[in-house]
Structures are given as C-alpha cells and as structure tokens.
C-alpha cells in the first residue's frame, strides 16, 4: 500500500527526502540510542550516500540529526556551525559494504561520556529509515514507534519481566526482537510500543543488576 506521505514525502528542509530527511532521522536515531548528543562521531558513507551525499546535504543532515534537529528545522543548513558551537566533533569517510547493502547506508561510531555505540542504518526513500545493526546485534528499527532498546546479560526471565513492567504501566507492545551473542552471554532487546514509555518503566528496567544499558527512543515524526 502506498500512502500520500510516500508520494509527497515528509515536511523537510530539502532537497532530497532520502538524502536529507532520511539522513537526519538516522542521526536522530543514533543520538537517541547513545542517550544524547555525541561528543565525537565518525560516520562512514556507503554507495549513493558516499557518491552524491555532499551535493544533497546528506552530511549536514546527519550532523543535524546528531544535534537533535528534526528534518524540517531550517538550522540543518547551518548544521556544521551549530555542531561546532555545541562542541560536537565529527568526521566523515567512505566505506564499501558490498552489493547487498542499501545504497543509502551510513555507519556510525558515536561517543558520549566514555560510552561508544556502533550503529548501521539506511535511508529507504520518502524519509523512511531502517536501523539494521546496533553494536553488532541485528535489529530492524524505523523510528515509527516509541521504542525501548536495552543490552544486558542473557538471563532467564528477562523478556517476561520487561513485558510485565510495560503491561503494568498500560504500554502495549507492537514488536519485540531479541538477538544475543550466545547463551548466557550478552543480548540486545528492541521493543516497539504503541504508547510513550513512562519514566517509571525505564527506571524499573535500569534496576536490573545484569543490565548494561537501556535507552528510550521517542517516535520520530
């Protein structure tokens, strides 16, 4: 099914929904998964992003997203100046991920307060995105839902406990995915929800002794 949004594209600072609006949303997702604006960011561009991104404003849009600017914010045009003022250090490079990778793919290494997150995502067109990998774990996040992402030791009952906490606060699960490095090793859980995730839910999950980190990602308009 094709929606009117897919035909007209998102409200954005141009010129391209895939190279600017989608790139900005990828930056917003990287920022949210890290837990705030990075202090440093290395971004590698693949395919069309690498070949034509400069002319389409892709780099500025990615940096703007890391700053927290939405796709329709006119400050995206001055994203580099805004980033320097905010103290964000960034660098771009090119990477060949092979023919199977989407041509509008970006690979992030973002650091904040001594914590580093690796993320890979693609701009699919019309402003739509998909984050496919977080810290080596396979995911599938588009920013269309209120989302909870957590990394923890693989302990029995963790999935049930998280689901029970969400249910206890009236939050309905839309999707859930768990990937792990091995039995009783590390696992990454992504949960997309129909309702915003309350502070109390995040606080309860952050109380798990086996938790490495947990992030709440607001639905990206």
Protein backbone atom coordinates (compact mmCIF):
# COMPACT_ATOMS: atom_id res chain seq x y z
CA UNK A 1 0.00 0.00 0.00
CA UNK A 2 1.32 3.46 -0.95
CA UNK A 3 0.29 6.35 1.27
CA UNK A 4 0.00 10.03 0.40
CA UNK A 5 3.08 10.56 2.60
CA UNK A 6 5.08 8.22 0.37
CA UNK A 7 4.07 10.22 -2.72
CA UNK A 8 4.55 13.74 -1.38
CA UNK A 9 7.38 12.99 1.02
CA UNK A 10 7.94 14.42 4.52
CA UNK A 11 7.95 18.04 5.62
CA UNK A 12 11.64 18.79 5.44
CA UNK A 13 14.50 21.07 4.56
CA UNK A 14 15.37 19.86 1.01
CA UNK A 15 16.49 18.87 -1.43
CA UNK A 16 16.02 15.08 -1.08
CA UNK A 17 13.80 13.01 1.19
CA UNK A 18 16.23 10.10 1.04
CA UNK A 19 19.49 12.04 1.24
CA UNK A 20 18.44 14.74 3.71
CA UNK A 21 15.25 13.87 5.64
CA UNK A 22 16.21 10.21 5.94
CA UNK A 23 19.79 11.09 6.80
CA UNK A 24 18.61 13.47 9.51
CA UNK A 25 16.42 10.74 11.00
CA UNK A 26 19.35 8.33 11.04
CA UNK A 27 21.30 10.92 13.03
CA UNK A 28 18.37 11.33 15.41
CA UNK A 29 18.26 7.57 15.98
CA UNK A 30 22.00 7.37 16.63
CA UNK A 31 21.68 10.22 19.15
CA UNK A 32 18.75 8.54 20.93
CA UNK A 33 20.43 5.13 21.13
CA UNK A 34 23.56 6.75 22.57
CA UNK A 35 21.45 8.63 25.11
CA UNK A 36 22.16 12.19 23.98
CA UNK A 37 24.31 14.30 21.70
CA UNK A 38 27.67 12.68 21.00
CA UNK A 39 30.91 14.35 21.88
CA UNK A 40 32.55 12.66 18.89
CA UNK A 41 31.15 10.99 15.81
CA UNK A 42 32.72 9.07 12.95
CA UNK A 43 30.32 8.43 10.08
CA UNK A 44 31.14 6.20 7.12
CA UNK A 45 29.01 6.54 3.99
CA UNK A 46 28.24 3.76 1.52
CA UNK A 47 27.00 3.81 -2.04
CA UNK A 48 24.92 6.78 -3.13
CA UNK A 49 25.39 8.46 0.24
CA UNK A 50 29.14 8.48 -0.41
CA UNK A 51 28.91 9.36 -4.11
CA UNK A 52 26.32 12.16 -4.11
CA UNK A 53 25.72 12.96 -0.45
CA UNK A 54 27.67 16.20 -0.37
CA UNK A 55 25.55 17.76 -3.11
CA UNK A 56 22.32 16.65 -1.45
CA UNK A 57 23.26 17.92 2.00
CA UNK A 58 23.50 14.41 3.45
CA UNK A 59 26.46 15.15 5.69
CA UNK A 60 24.88 18.27 7.15
CA UNK A 61 21.63 16.37 7.70
CA UNK A 62 23.41 13.54 9.54
CA UNK A 63 25.22 16.01 11.79
CA UNK A 64 21.99 17.92 12.34
CA UNK A 65 20.25 14.75 13.47
CA UNK A 66 23.04 14.07 15.96
CA UNK A 67 22.38 17.56 17.32
CA UNK A 68 18.68 16.73 17.75
CA UNK A 69 17.39 18.85 14.85
CA UNK A 70 14.28 17.45 13.09
CA UNK A 71 14.13 17.18 9.28
CA UNK A 72 12.08 20.38 8.93
CA UNK A 73 14.41 22.57 11.02
CA UNK A 74 15.95 25.35 8.95
CA UNK A 75 19.06 25.16 11.12
CA UNK A 76 20.03 22.00 9.23
CA UNK A 77 21.52 24.30 6.60
CA UNK A 78 23.99 25.53 9.24
CA UNK A 79 24.43 22.16 10.96
CA UNK A 80 28.23 22.35 10.89
CA UNK A 81 28.23 25.74 12.58
CA UNK A 82 25.64 24.54 15.12
CA UNK A 83 27.75 21.45 15.83
CA UNK A 84 30.92 23.45 16.41
CA UNK A 85 29.05 25.72 18.81
CA UNK A 86 27.69 22.68 20.67
CA UNK A 87 31.12 21.05 20.95
CA UNK A 88 30.41 18.10 18.66
CA UNK A 89 33.44 16.76 16.82
CA UNK A 90 32.77 14.75 13.68
CA UNK A 91 34.44 13.23 10.65
CA UNK A 92 33.19 11.50 7.51
CA UNK A 93 34.65 8.69 5.48
CA UNK A 94 33.62 6.23 2.79
CA UNK A 95 33.03 2.50 3.13
CA UNK A 96 32.14 -0.27 0.68
CA UNK A 97 29.63 -2.60 2.34
CA UNK A 98 29.06 -4.69 -0.77
CA UNK A 99 26.20 -5.01 -3.21
CA UNK A 100 23.78 -6.38 -0.62
CA UNK A 101 23.85 -3.16 1.43
CA UNK A 102 21.31 -0.45 0.67
CA UNK A 103 22.98 2.34 -1.35
CA UNK A 104 21.92 4.99 1.18
CA UNK A 105 23.66 3.45 4.19
CA UNK A 106 25.58 5.16 6.99
CA UNK A 107 27.72 3.53 9.66
CA UNK A 108 28.07 5.48 12.92
CA UNK A 109 30.58 5.31 15.74
CA UNK A 110 29.35 7.81 18.33
CA UNK A 111 30.85 8.52 21.76
CA UNK A 112 29.46 10.30 24.81
CA UNK A 113 30.78 10.36 28.38
CA UNK A 114 33.15 7.47 27.70
CA UNK A 115 30.46 5.26 26.13
CA UNK A 116 30.61 4.32 22.45
CA UNK A 117 27.81 2.94 20.29
CA UNK A 118 28.18 1.47 16.80
CA UNK A 119 25.16 1.66 14.54
CA UNK A 120 24.34 0.97 10.90
CA UNK A 121 21.24 2.26 9.15
CA UNK A 122 19.84 3.13 5.75
CA UNK A 123 17.56 5.76 4.28
CA UNK A 124 14.91 3.87 2.32
CA UNK A 125 13.27 6.78 0.48
CA UNK A 126 10.47 9.19 1.34
CA UNK A 127 12.20 9.98 4.63
CA UNK A 128 11.80 6.40 5.86
CA UNK A 129 14.76 4.73 7.57
CA UNK A 130 15.80 1.38 8.98
CA UNK A 131 18.46 0.83 11.61
CA UNK A 132 19.78 -2.67 10.90
CA UNK A 133 22.57 -3.10 13.44
CA UNK A 134 23.46 -1.84 16.93
CA UNK A 135 26.80 -2.85 18.45
CA UNK A 136 26.95 -5.87 16.17
CA UNK A 137 23.42 -7.05 17.02
CA UNK A 138 20.86 -7.38 14.23
CA UNK A 139 17.82 -5.11 14.65
CA UNK A 140 15.09 -3.58 12.47
CA UNK A 141 14.04 -0.16 13.74
CA UNK A 142 12.34 2.53 11.68
CA UNK A 143 11.54 5.13 14.32
CA UNK A 144 7.79 4.71 13.70
CA UNK A 145 7.07 3.58 17.26
CA UNK A 146 8.02 4.57 20.77
CA UNK A 147 10.93 2.20 21.30
CA UNK A 148 12.86 0.66 24.16
CA UNK A 149 16.36 -0.67 23.47
CA UNK A 150 18.34 -2.49 26.13
CA UNK A 151 21.51 -4.53 26.27
CA UNK A 152 22.01 -6.97 29.13
CA UNK A 153 23.38 -10.34 30.09
CA UNK A 154 21.25 -13.18 28.75
CA UNK A 155 19.33 -14.17 31.87
CA UNK A 156 16.22 -16.39 32.06
CA UNK A 157 13.03 -14.41 32.59
CA UNK A 158 14.34 -11.05 31.36
CA UNK A 159 11.91 -10.85 28.42
CA UNK A 160 8.95 -11.75 30.66
CA UNK A 161 10.00 -9.20 33.29
CA UNK A 162 10.31 -6.39 30.75
CA UNK A 163 6.95 -7.28 29.17
CA UNK A 164 5.30 -7.38 32.61
CA UNK A 165 6.69 -3.95 33.54
CA UNK A 166 5.38 -2.45 30.30
CA UNK A 167 1.98 -4.11 30.73
CA UNK A 168 1.78 -2.88 34.32
CA UNK A 169 2.05 0.68 33.04
CA UNK A 170 -0.50 0.22 30.28
CA UNK A 171 2.02 0.14 27.43
CA UNK A 172 1.07 -2.12 24.54
CA UNK A 173 3.86 -3.96 22.67
CA UNK A 174 3.84 -3.70 18.87
CA UNK A 175 7.02 -5.69 18.13
CA UNK A 176 9.79 -7.33 20.13
CA UNK A 177 13.12 -8.69 18.95
CA UNK A 178 15.99 -10.28 20.86
CA UNK A 179 19.45 -11.04 19.48
CA UNK A 180 22.32 -12.47 21.54
CA UNK A 181 25.96 -13.36 21.22
CA UNK A 182 25.36 -16.73 22.86
CA UNK A 183 23.60 -18.49 25.70
CA UNK A 184 24.08 -16.62 29.00
CA UNK A 185 26.25 -14.04 27.23
CA UNK A 186 25.09 -10.61 26.01
CA UNK A 187 21.70 -9.91 24.46
CA UNK A 188 20.11 -6.87 22.83
CA UNK A 189 16.36 -6.40 23.08
CA UNK A 190 14.35 -3.93 20.98
CA UNK A 191 10.70 -3.32 21.83
CA UNK A 192 8.44 -1.07 19.76
CA UNK A 193 5.37 0.21 21.64
CA UNK A 194 2.10 1.90 20.75
CA UNK A 195 2.27 4.31 23.70
CA UNK A 196 5.08 6.51 25.05
CA UNK A 197 7.31 4.69 27.54
CA UNK A 198 6.94 6.24 31.03
CA UNK A 199 9.90 7.21 33.20
CA UNK A 200 8.85 4.57 35.72
CA UNK A 201 9.27 1.80 33.14
CA UNK A 202 12.79 2.91 32.28
CA UNK A 203 13.68 3.27 35.97
CA UNK A 204 12.43 -0.23 36.78
CA UNK A 205 14.43 -1.79 33.95
CA UNK A 206 17.53 0.19 34.87
CA UNK A 207 17.34 -1.54 38.24
CA UNK A 208 18.20 -4.94 36.74
CA UNK A 209 21.65 -5.86 38.11
CA UNK A 210 22.51 -7.64 34.83
CA UNK A 211 21.63 -4.65 32.64
CA UNK A 212 24.39 -2.97 30.61
CA UNK A 213 22.30 -0.05 29.37
CA UNK A 214 18.76 0.90 28.38
CA UNK A 215 17.53 3.68 26.10
CA UNK A 216 14.11 5.11 25.39
CA UNK A 217 13.59 6.35 21.83
CA UNK A 218 10.64 8.63 21.16
CA UNK A 219 8.65 8.09 17.99
CA UNK A 220 10.20 10.12 15.17
CA UNK A 221 7.53 12.19 13.43
